[in-house]
Amino acid sequence: MADRLAAAIANGVYQHGERLPSVRELMASEGVSQSTAVRAMIEIEALGLAVSRSRSGFYARRPPLAAKSAASSGLLDIPAATLSSDEASAVTIQHLIQDLFRAFKTPGLVALGAADVAKSLLPTAELTSAMKRAVRIHGPTVFQTAGPYGVQELRRAIAILLQRRGLSISTDDVIVTGGETDAMALALRAVTRPGQAVAVESPTFFGVLQVIEEAGLRAIEIATHPITGIDLVDLIRAADQNKFQAVVLNPTFENPFGCCMEPDALRAVAEAMTQRAIPIIEDDVYSDLNFRGRPVKALASFDRAGNTIYCGSFSKVLSPGLRVGWCVPGKYRAKIMDLQARRPATVSTLSQFTLVEYLSGRRYAKHVAKLTDIFARQRNAVRQLIKDHFPEGTTATIPDGGFLFWIEVPPPFDVMRFYRRALAAGISIAPGPIFSASGRFPHAFRLSVGRRLTPEVRRAIRMLGELAKT
């Protein structure tokens, strides 16, 4: 019975995401006991051909071995779209994240886990010069506490930068924060109450889940495609069922998929959530690392009602250590400004003035162009390494920007075992379950290649492939 169901899914009788026969239906049609029917469903789930949804049953999943045809033609297939969860759930991933960051600090690791750009690719010398100019020009001011909303000159520079994302804003519309995660925490505090639910992509950046957990909120995971992004139909359906009170989206080069939503989809999300009075928090840190060759507009640029709170930072292109992000609060400006004014100062004034000096002229544009060229040129090489060295049936995303790859390996691959063995071999990765509120993705992981594809990095990816086979 399990073999017949598996063949039906593999041959397309049941489409990806389609509900499979219930246990009761199988008992009637096959003339078997309840335990036999349940065991059959568990077997096809273990094969990666189905996923279970609480109180709803089993749903077909595109078989991992569908990648065979792609592999035989010299290509590497992309992962299947994910499915939405039925209900919001509490987030309890803090212990996993703490373990992950402890591992990231291990000396000598080939760091392919943290979503950071390698130190060798950061403009350290130019930032140092900018810091010296800031001290010389602004004097003792750089060592004093700035106002709660940030240094005025930096707010103006950020407002100008965001024009290319389609945002027409003033200096006063920008609030400087202690990084982008700090901006998202501020935004969530403004539009939610503890116990409420927040919709997120599936998978989603674990930092988003961390903020949700710390705020005492719950998360509901919405189906996401590795090329087109979040499933708008599922998002609206969940909204109409009152399953969440806010949504956090990373629509431009999403972490971890690297996908980018098209303008029509962005406009549709903005309109649908505005009509339902559901605030949007846009997470946007990778948009400058754009491989598309044309500008990509922010979701907030399609939101004429100001229902989107736009959050960003310089951490992925300049320096994570500066800890400078921002928030453009839209119609929630009064609430967010009030909350920010009540908080202790979180952003170094020296860091802010350093950025003011660095952003003058064309230094930033030249640096971003250099990084983008490096990551775009080595994207296909990374995918080729995955194809050549990982088990047959492995799939990997094709990022449109950034430097992240989502990799799924066919069962019985166990990503937590793989994660521990990789660390023992001196390589870090980010295991799939930390990108889910409900512990999904036990056969997946994120690979971060924010560095040049040196012989050492190539050897590390080959080693990961060998570990995945055993």
Protein backbone atom coordinates (compact mmCIF):
# COMPACT_ATOMS: atom_id res chain seq x y z
CA MET A 1 0.00 0.00 0.00
CA ALA A 2 2.81 2.40 0.87
CA ASP A 3 4.54 1.53 -2.43
CA ARG A 4 1.37 2.26 -4.42
CA LEU A 5 0.89 5.62 -2.70
CA ALA A 6 4.55 6.51 -3.24
CA ALA A 7 4.28 5.65 -6.94
CA ALA A 8 1.11 7.73 -7.29
CA ILE A 9 2.84 10.77 -5.77
CA ALA A 10 6.00 10.28 -7.85
CA ASN A 11 3.93 9.95 -11.05
CA GLY A 12 1.93 13.11 -10.36
CA VAL A 13 -1.40 11.45 -9.55
CA TYR A 14 -1.29 13.55 -6.38
CA GLN A 15 0.11 17.04 -6.96
CA HIS A 16 2.44 18.80 -4.54
CA GLY A 17 0.37 20.10 -1.62
CA GLU A 18 -2.69 18.00 -2.50
CA ARG A 19 -4.40 16.22 0.39
CA LEU A 20 -3.82 12.44 0.44
CA PRO A 21 -6.48 9.87 1.41
CA SER A 22 -7.19 9.87 5.14
CA VAL A 23 -6.40 6.91 7.37
CA ARG A 24 -10.12 6.11 7.50
CA GLU A 25 -10.38 6.25 3.69
CA LEU A 26 -7.37 3.94 3.32
CA MET A 27 -8.87 1.48 5.80
CA ALA A 28 -12.06 1.33 3.70
CA SER A 29 -10.46 1.21 0.24
CA GLU A 30 -7.59 -1.15 1.10
CA GLY A 31 -9.37 -3.31 3.67
CA VAL A 32 -6.60 -2.84 6.25
CA SER A 33 -6.47 -2.05 9.94
CA GLN A 34 -5.98 1.43 11.32
CA SER A 35 -2.43 0.63 12.47
CA THR A 36 -1.50 -0.62 8.97
CA ALA A 37 -2.89 2.51 7.31
CA VAL A 38 -1.08 4.78 9.76
CA ARG A 39 2.19 2.87 9.25
CA ALA A 40 1.88 3.28 5.46
CA MET A 41 1.48 7.05 5.80
CA ILE A 42 4.45 7.25 8.15
CA GLU A 43 6.56 5.30 5.63
CA ILE A 44 5.83 7.66 2.74
CA GLU A 45 6.46 10.64 5.02
CA ALA A 46 9.86 9.15 5.90
CA LEU A 47 10.58 8.91 2.16
CA GLY A 48 9.98 12.64 1.87
CA LEU A 49 6.86 12.10 -0.26
CA ALA A 50 4.34 13.50 2.22
CA VAL A 51 4.07 15.93 5.09
CA SER A 52 1.63 15.70 7.98
CA ARG A 53 -0.39 18.66 9.19
CA SER A 54 -1.92 18.56 12.63
CA ARG A 55 -5.66 17.79 12.67
CA SER A 56 -5.69 17.92 8.87
CA GLY A 57 -3.99 14.77 7.57
CA PHE A 58 -1.20 14.07 5.09
CA TYR A 59 -0.35 16.10 1.99
CA ALA A 60 1.69 15.12 -1.05
CA ARG A 61 5.19 16.51 -1.40
CA ARG A 62 7.15 16.53 -4.62
CA PRO A 63 9.52 13.58 -4.37
CA PRO A 64 13.17 14.48 -3.81
CA LEU A 65 14.14 12.00 -6.53
CA ALA A 66 12.38 14.24 -9.04
CA ALA A 67 15.80 15.85 -9.15
CA LYS A 68 17.10 12.76 -11.01
CA SER A 69 15.97 14.04 -14.38
CA ALA A 70 17.60 17.39 -13.70
CA ALA A 71 20.78 15.72 -12.51
CA SER A 72 20.98 13.53 -15.60
CA SER A 73 20.84 16.63 -17.79
CA GLY A 74 23.68 18.27 -15.87
CA LEU A 75 21.44 20.53 -13.78
CA LEU A 76 20.69 20.77 -10.07
CA ASP A 77 17.01 21.00 -9.21
CA ILE A 78 15.56 23.53 -6.78
CA PRO A 79 13.68 22.52 -3.61
CA ALA A 80 9.91 22.15 -3.66
CA ALA A 81 7.66 24.87 -2.31
CA THR A 82 6.88 24.48 1.37
CA LEU A 83 3.43 24.14 2.95
CA SER A 84 1.62 26.39 5.41
CA SER A 85 1.10 25.36 9.01
CA ASP A 86 -2.47 25.01 10.24
CA GLU A 87 -2.13 27.10 13.37
CA ALA A 88 0.28 29.49 15.03
CA SER A 89 2.69 27.91 17.49
CA ALA A 90 4.91 29.10 20.29
CA VAL A 91 8.52 29.67 19.26
CA THR A 92 11.17 27.82 21.28
CA ILE A 93 14.39 27.98 19.28
CA GLN A 94 16.51 30.15 21.58
CA HIS A 95 18.51 27.17 22.87
CA LEU A 96 19.31 26.07 19.30
CA ILE A 97 20.45 29.57 18.34
CA GLN A 98 22.68 29.87 21.41
CA ASP A 99 24.31 26.55 20.54
CA LEU A 100 24.76 27.71 16.95
CA PHE A 101 26.49 30.95 17.90
CA ARG A 102 28.76 29.20 20.39
CA ALA A 103 29.80 26.90 17.56
CA PHE A 104 30.38 29.83 15.19
CA LYS A 105 33.04 31.17 17.59
CA THR A 106 35.14 28.00 17.44
CA PRO A 107 38.66 28.98 16.29
CA GLY A 108 39.72 27.71 12.88
CA LEU A 109 36.24 26.93 11.55
CA VAL A 110 35.48 27.28 7.86
CA ALA A 111 32.49 29.52 8.59
CA LEU A 112 29.64 28.59 6.24
CA GLY A 113 26.92 28.94 8.88
CA ALA A 114 26.62 32.59 9.91
CA ALA A 115 25.12 34.95 7.32
CA ASP A 116 28.06 37.33 7.37
CA VAL A 117 30.40 38.72 4.75
CA ALA A 118 34.02 37.68 5.32
CA LYS A 119 36.25 40.28 6.98
CA SER A 120 38.52 40.28 3.93
CA LEU A 121 35.65 41.61 1.78
CA LEU A 122 34.62 44.44 4.11
CA PRO A 123 35.90 48.00 3.45
CA THR A 124 37.86 48.10 6.71
CA ALA A 125 40.47 50.63 5.60
CA GLU A 126 37.89 53.03 4.20
CA LEU A 127 35.71 52.74 7.31
CA THR A 128 38.76 53.44 9.46
CA SER A 129 39.51 56.56 7.41
CA ALA A 130 35.86 57.61 7.68
CA MET A 131 36.00 57.20 11.46
CA LYS A 132 39.11 59.40 11.68
CA ARG A 133 37.42 62.06 9.54
CA ALA A 134 34.34 61.90 11.75
CA VAL A 135 36.43 62.56 14.87
CA ARG A 136 38.34 65.37 13.16
CA ILE A 137 35.25 67.09 11.71
CA HIS A 138 32.70 66.59 14.48
CA GLY A 139 35.03 66.62 17.48
CA PRO A 140 33.70 65.71 20.95
CA THR A 141 30.17 65.29 19.55
CA VAL A 142 31.01 61.79 18.31
CA PHE A 143 31.65 60.66 21.89
CA GLN A 144 28.35 61.96 23.25
CA THR A 145 24.92 60.33 23.20
CA ALA A 146 22.86 61.18 20.13
CA GLY A 147 19.10 61.76 20.28
CA PRO A 148 16.78 58.73 20.38
CA TYR A 149 16.06 58.84 16.64
CA GLY A 150 19.65 59.02 15.45
CA VAL A 151 22.10 61.55 14.07
CA GLN A 152 20.26 63.87 11.68
CA GLU A 153 22.97 63.66 9.00
CA LEU A 154 22.77 59.85 8.94
CA ARG A 155 18.99 59.85 8.78
CA ARG A 156 19.24 62.13 5.75
CA ALA A 157 21.84 59.87 4.08
CA ILE A 158 19.65 56.78 4.62
CA ALA A 159 16.58 58.56 3.22
CA ILE A 160 18.58 59.36 0.06
CA LEU A 161 19.86 55.77 -0.24
CA LEU A 162 16.33 54.38 -0.01
CA GLN A 163 15.16 56.38 -3.02
CA ARG A 164 16.53 53.62 -5.27
CA ARG A 165 14.26 51.16 -3.44
CA GLY A 166 11.30 53.27 -4.53
CA LEU A 167 10.78 54.96 -1.16
CA SER A 168 10.04 58.68 -1.24
CA ILE A 169 10.68 59.67 2.36
CA SER A 170 12.06 62.55 4.38
CA THR A 171 14.84 62.65 6.95
CA ASP A 172 12.26 62.66 9.74
CA ASP A 173 10.78 59.38 8.45
CA VAL A 174 13.96 57.47 9.37
CA ILE A 175 14.62 56.18 12.89
CA VAL A 176 18.13 54.83 13.51
CA THR A 177 18.26 51.59 15.53
CA GLY A 178 20.86 49.23 16.96
CA GLY A 179 20.83 46.97 13.91
CA GLU A 180 18.00 45.54 11.85
CA THR A 181 16.90 42.97 14.43
CA ASP A 182 16.49 45.83 16.90
CA ALA A 183 14.34 47.64 14.31
CA MET A 184 12.10 44.58 13.88
CA ALA A 185 11.75 44.17 17.65
CA LEU A 186 10.70 47.81 17.90
CA ALA A 187 8.20 47.38 15.06
CA LEU A 188 6.64 44.24 16.55
CA ARG A 189 6.32 45.91 19.92
CA ALA A 190 4.43 48.77 18.26
CA VAL A 191 1.84 46.65 16.45
CA THR A 192 1.34 43.49 18.55
CA ARG A 193 0.62 42.33 22.08
CA PRO A 194 2.10 39.25 23.82
CA GLY A 195 0.19 36.12 22.92
CA GLN A 196 -0.79 37.30 19.44
CA ALA A 197 0.37 35.57 16.25
CA VAL A 198 2.69 36.74 13.48
CA ALA A 199 2.79 35.28 9.96
CA VAL A 200 6.23 34.44 8.57
CA GLU A 201 7.68 32.79 5.48
CA SER A 202 8.51 29.09 5.71
CA PRO A 203 11.45 28.79 6.13
CA THR A 204 12.28 32.16 7.66
CA PHE A 205 15.36 33.82 9.13
CA PHE A 206 15.87 32.52 12.66
CA GLY A 207 16.52 36.08 13.89
CA VAL A 208 12.87 36.86 13.11
CA LEU A 209 11.76 33.84 15.14
CA GLN A 210 14.08 34.91 17.95
CA VAL A 211 12.45 38.36 18.10
CA ILE A 212 8.98 36.76 18.05
CA GLU A 213 9.95 34.42 20.88
CA GLU A 214 11.40 37.22 23.01
CA ALA A 215 8.22 39.29 22.51
CA GLY A 216 6.01 36.46 23.78
CA LEU A 217 4.34 36.09 20.39
CA ARG A 218 3.48 33.01 18.32
CA ALA A 219 4.36 32.30 14.68
CA ILE A 220 2.31 30.84 11.85
CA GLU A 221 4.35 29.59 8.89
CA ILE A 222 3.07 30.40 5.40
CA ALA A 223 3.91 28.36 2.28
CA THR A 224 6.85 29.82 0.37
CA HIS A 225 8.30 29.06 -3.06
CA PRO A 226 12.10 29.19 -3.51
CA ILE A 227 11.75 31.42 -6.58
CA THR A 228 8.57 33.47 -6.17
CA GLY A 229 8.42 33.82 -2.38
CA ILE A 230 5.46 33.65 -0.03
CA ASP A 231 2.20 32.10 -1.25
CA LEU A 232 -0.24 35.00 -1.44
CA VAL A 233 -3.32 32.74 -1.54
CA ASP A 234 -2.31 30.97 1.68
CA LEU A 235 -1.38 34.28 3.32
CA ILE A 236 -4.79 35.81 2.57
CA ARG A 237 -6.62 32.63 3.58
CA ALA A 238 -4.88 32.62 6.97
CA ALA A 239 -5.59 36.35 7.38
CA ASP A 240 -9.28 35.86 6.61
CA GLN A 241 -9.38 33.12 9.24
CA ASN A 242 -7.95 35.62 11.75
CA LYS A 243 -4.90 33.44 12.33
CA PHE A 244 -2.41 36.31 12.73
CA GLN A 245 -2.29 39.98 13.69
CA ALA A 246 0.91 41.04 11.85
CA VAL A 247 3.19 39.67 9.14
CA VAL A 248 6.98 39.81 8.86
CA LEU A 249 8.27 39.43 5.30
CA ASN A 250 11.72 39.36 3.70
CA PRO A 251 10.55 39.75 0.07
CA THR A 252 13.88 40.74 -1.50
CA PHE A 253 16.47 37.93 -1.56
CA GLU A 254 14.82 36.17 1.33
CA ASN A 255 16.87 34.50 4.04
CA PRO A 256 17.35 31.54 3.56
CA PHE A 257 15.83 30.94 0.06
CA GLY A 258 17.36 33.95 -1.72
CA CYS A 259 14.11 34.43 -3.67
CA CYS A 260 12.68 37.77 -4.78
CA MET A 261 9.00 38.63 -5.08
CA GLU A 262 7.84 40.30 -8.28
CA PRO A 263 6.24 43.79 -8.28
CA ASP A 264 2.69 42.49 -8.88
CA ALA A 265 3.01 40.15 -5.90
CA LEU A 266 4.39 42.93 -3.69
CA ARG A 267 1.52 45.21 -4.67
CA ALA A 268 -1.00 42.44 -3.98
CA VAL A 269 0.45 41.77 -0.51
CA ALA A 270 0.42 45.47 0.36
CA GLU A 271 -3.19 45.89 -0.78
CA ALA A 272 -4.47 42.68 0.84
CA MET A 273 -2.94 43.40 4.24
CA THR A 274 -4.03 47.05 4.17
CA GLN A 275 -7.62 46.01 3.42
CA ARG A 276 -7.53 43.68 6.43
CA ALA A 277 -5.80 46.20 8.72
CA ILE A 278 -2.87 43.82 9.28
CA PRO A 279 0.50 45.60 9.62
CA ILE A 280 3.47 44.44 7.54
CA ILE A 281 7.05 44.49 8.79
CA GLU A 282 9.48 44.36 5.87
CA ASP A 283 12.91 42.86 6.59
CA ASP A 284 15.34 44.18 3.96
CA VAL A 285 19.08 43.63 4.42
CA TYR A 286 20.14 41.89 1.19
CA SER A 287 18.58 44.12 -1.47
CA ASP A 288 21.85 45.86 -2.39
CA LEU A 289 23.42 42.49 -3.33
CA ASN A 290 21.23 42.26 -6.42
CA PHE A 291 22.12 39.87 -9.28
CA ARG A 292 19.16 40.83 -11.47
CA GLY A 293 20.84 43.71 -13.25
CA ARG A 294 17.89 46.02 -12.62
CA PRO A 295 16.64 47.88 -9.54
CA VAL A 296 14.26 46.01 -7.23
CA LYS A 297 11.61 47.99 -5.40
CA ALA A 298 10.76 47.49 -1.75
CA LEU A 299 7.36 46.18 -0.71
CA ALA A 300 6.90 49.43 1.23
CA SER A 301 7.11 51.38 -2.05
CA PHE A 302 3.81 49.77 -3.15
CA ASP A 303 2.07 50.60 0.13
CA ARG A 304 0.29 53.93 -0.31
CA ALA A 305 -1.44 53.62 3.07
CA GLY A 306 1.76 53.50 5.15
CA ASN A 307 0.82 50.08 6.53
CA THR A 308 4.37 48.72 6.08
CA ILE A 309 7.17 49.25 8.60
CA TYR A 310 10.40 49.04 6.61
CA CYS A 311 13.52 47.76 8.43
CA GLY A 312 17.09 47.57 7.16
CA SER A 313 20.76 47.81 8.10
CA PHE A 314 24.33 48.02 6.79
CA SER A 315 25.41 44.77 8.47
CA LYS A 316 25.47 42.57 5.34
CA VAL A 317 27.53 44.90 3.18
CA LEU A 318 29.63 47.17 5.41
CA SER A 319 30.15 45.96 8.97
CA PRO A 320 28.05 43.95 11.42
CA GLY A 321 30.10 45.45 14.25
CA LEU A 322 28.83 48.99 13.68
CA ARG A 323 25.35 47.80 14.79
CA VAL A 324 23.48 50.44 12.82
CA GLY A 325 20.06 49.77 11.35
CA TRP A 326 16.94 51.76 10.67
CA CYS A 327 13.19 51.74 10.68
CA VAL A 328 10.80 53.67 8.41
CA PRO A 329 7.58 53.38 10.42
CA GLY A 330 4.91 54.54 7.97
CA LYS A 331 1.60 55.31 9.68
CA TYR A 332 2.91 53.80 12.93
CA ARG A 333 5.42 56.64 13.26
CA ALA A 334 3.97 58.26 16.40
CA LYS A 335 3.82 54.96 18.29
CA ILE A 336 7.31 53.87 17.26
CA MET A 337 8.86 57.26 17.99
CA ASP A 338 7.28 57.18 21.45
CA LEU A 339 8.62 53.68 22.12
CA GLN A 340 12.08 54.62 20.84
CA ALA A 341 12.20 57.74 23.01
CA ARG A 342 11.56 55.62 26.11
CA ARG A 343 14.43 53.21 25.39
CA PRO A 344 18.05 53.67 26.50
CA ALA A 345 20.46 54.74 23.75
CA THR A 346 21.38 51.68 21.66
CA VAL A 347 23.42 53.10 18.79
CA SER A 348 26.98 54.42 19.01
CA THR A 349 27.21 58.07 17.98
CA LEU A 350 30.72 57.40 16.65
CA SER A 351 29.39 54.59 14.45
CA GLN A 352 26.70 56.89 13.09
CA PHE A 353 29.10 59.71 12.20
CA THR A 354 31.52 57.16 10.69
CA LEU A 355 28.74 56.10 8.33
CA VAL A 356 27.89 59.72 7.53
CA GLU A 357 31.46 60.24 6.32
CA TYR A 358 31.66 56.89 4.52
CA LEU A 359 28.37 57.41 2.66
CA SER A 360 29.47 60.77 1.25
CA GLY A 361 30.69 60.35 -2.32
CA ARG A 362 30.54 57.06 -4.26
CA ARG A 363 32.40 54.74 -1.89
CA TYR A 364 29.29 52.80 -0.88
CA ALA A 365 28.07 52.26 -4.46
CA LYS A 366 31.50 51.03 -5.60
CA HIS A 367 31.83 48.64 -2.67
CA VAL A 368 28.35 47.17 -3.19
CA ALA A 369 29.06 46.70 -6.91
CA LYS A 370 32.28 44.82 -6.08
CA LEU A 371 30.57 42.51 -3.57
CA THR A 372 27.65 41.84 -5.89
CA ASP A 373 29.99 40.92 -8.74
CA ILE A 374 31.90 38.44 -6.54
CA PHE A 375 28.78 36.70 -5.22
CA ALA A 376 26.98 36.64 -8.58
CA ARG A 377 29.98 35.14 -10.41
CA GLN A 378 30.46 32.33 -7.89
CA ARG A 379 26.77 31.40 -7.46
CA ASN A 380 26.77 28.79 -10.23
CA ALA A 381 30.13 27.43 -9.07
CA VAL A 382 28.69 26.78 -5.60
CA ARG A 383 25.69 24.99 -7.10
CA GLN A 384 28.01 22.89 -9.28
CA LEU A 385 29.99 21.83 -6.21
CA ILE A 386 26.74 20.79 -4.53
CA LYS A 387 25.66 18.81 -7.60
CA ASP A 388 29.03 17.09 -7.95
CA HIS A 389 29.56 16.09 -4.32
CA PHE A 390 26.21 15.73 -2.54
CA PRO A 391 23.95 12.66 -2.69
CA GLU A 392 21.75 12.12 -5.73
CA GLY A 393 18.41 13.84 -5.28
CA THR A 394 19.88 16.81 -3.39
CA THR A 395 18.28 20.14 -4.31
CA ALA A 396 19.56 23.69 -3.85
CA THR A 397 18.16 27.17 -4.35
CA ILE A 398 19.29 29.63 -7.03
CA PRO A 399 19.58 32.93 -5.12
CA ASP A 400 18.68 36.08 -7.05
CA GLY A 401 20.88 38.09 -4.71
CA GLY A 402 22.85 37.78 -1.49
CA PHE A 403 25.09 34.83 -0.67
CA LEU A 404 22.83 32.20 0.93
CA PHE A 405 21.92 28.72 -0.37
CA TRP A 406 19.18 26.45 0.98
CA ILE A 407 20.05 22.79 0.47
CA GLU A 408 17.74 19.80 0.92
CA VAL A 409 19.12 16.26 1.04
CA PRO A 410 16.85 13.22 0.58
CA PRO A 411 15.98 11.11 3.66
CA PRO A 412 17.30 9.40 5.70
CA PHE A 413 19.62 12.42 5.97
CA ASP A 414 19.49 13.82 9.54
CA VAL A 415 20.60 17.45 9.55
CA MET A 416 21.35 17.70 13.28
CA ARG A 417 23.68 14.70 13.09
CA PHE A 418 25.19 16.22 9.94
CA TYR A 419 25.61 19.58 11.73
CA ARG A 420 27.54 17.97 14.61
CA ARG A 421 29.75 15.95 12.26
CA ALA A 422 30.47 19.04 10.16
CA LEU A 423 31.57 20.94 13.28
CA ALA A 424 33.85 18.06 14.21
CA ALA A 425 35.36 18.38 10.72
CA GLY A 426 35.91 22.12 11.25
CA ILE A 427 32.99 23.42 9.15
CA SER A 428 29.90 25.33 10.30
CA ILE A 429 26.46 25.27 8.65
CA ALA A 430 23.01 26.43 9.83
CA PRO A 431 20.63 23.46 10.33
CA GLY A 432 17.10 23.63 8.90
CA PRO A 433 15.03 23.36 12.12
CA ILE A 434 16.20 26.77 13.39
CA PHE A 435 14.41 28.37 10.42
CA SER A 436 11.04 27.06 11.59
CA ALA A 437 8.81 27.74 14.59
CA SER A 438 7.65 24.12 14.56
CA GLY A 439 10.95 22.30 13.99
CA ARG A 440 10.45 21.65 10.28
CA PHE A 441 13.20 20.94 7.75
CA PRO A 442 15.08 18.02 9.37
CA HIS A 443 16.62 17.24 5.95
CA ALA A 444 17.74 20.78 5.05
CA PHE A 445 20.36 23.37 5.93
CA ARG A 446 21.52 26.86 4.94
CA LEU A 447 24.96 27.36 3.45
CA SER A 448 26.40 30.88 3.68
CA VAL A 449 29.10 31.72 1.14
CA GLY A 450 29.75 35.37 1.97
CA ARG A 451 33.40 34.99 1.02
CA ARG A 452 35.52 34.24 -2.00
CA LEU A 453 35.32 30.68 -3.25
CA THR A 454 38.89 29.83 -2.26
CA PRO A 455 40.39 26.32 -2.43
CA GLU A 456 39.72 26.03 1.33
CA VAL A 457 36.01 26.83 0.87
CA ARG A 458 35.76 24.45 -2.09
CA ARG A 459 37.32 21.66 -0.01
CA ALA A 460 34.86 22.40 2.81
CA ILE A 461 31.85 22.10 0.48
CA ARG A 462 33.23 18.85 -0.95
CA MET A 463 33.70 17.55 2.60
CA LEU A 464 30.10 18.47 3.46
CA GLY A 465 28.96 16.49 0.44
CA GLU A 466 30.88 13.44 1.58
CA LEU A 467 29.48 13.75 5.12
CA ALA A 468 25.96 13.97 3.69
CA LYS A 469 26.43 10.59 2.00
CA THR A 470 27.28 8.70 5.19
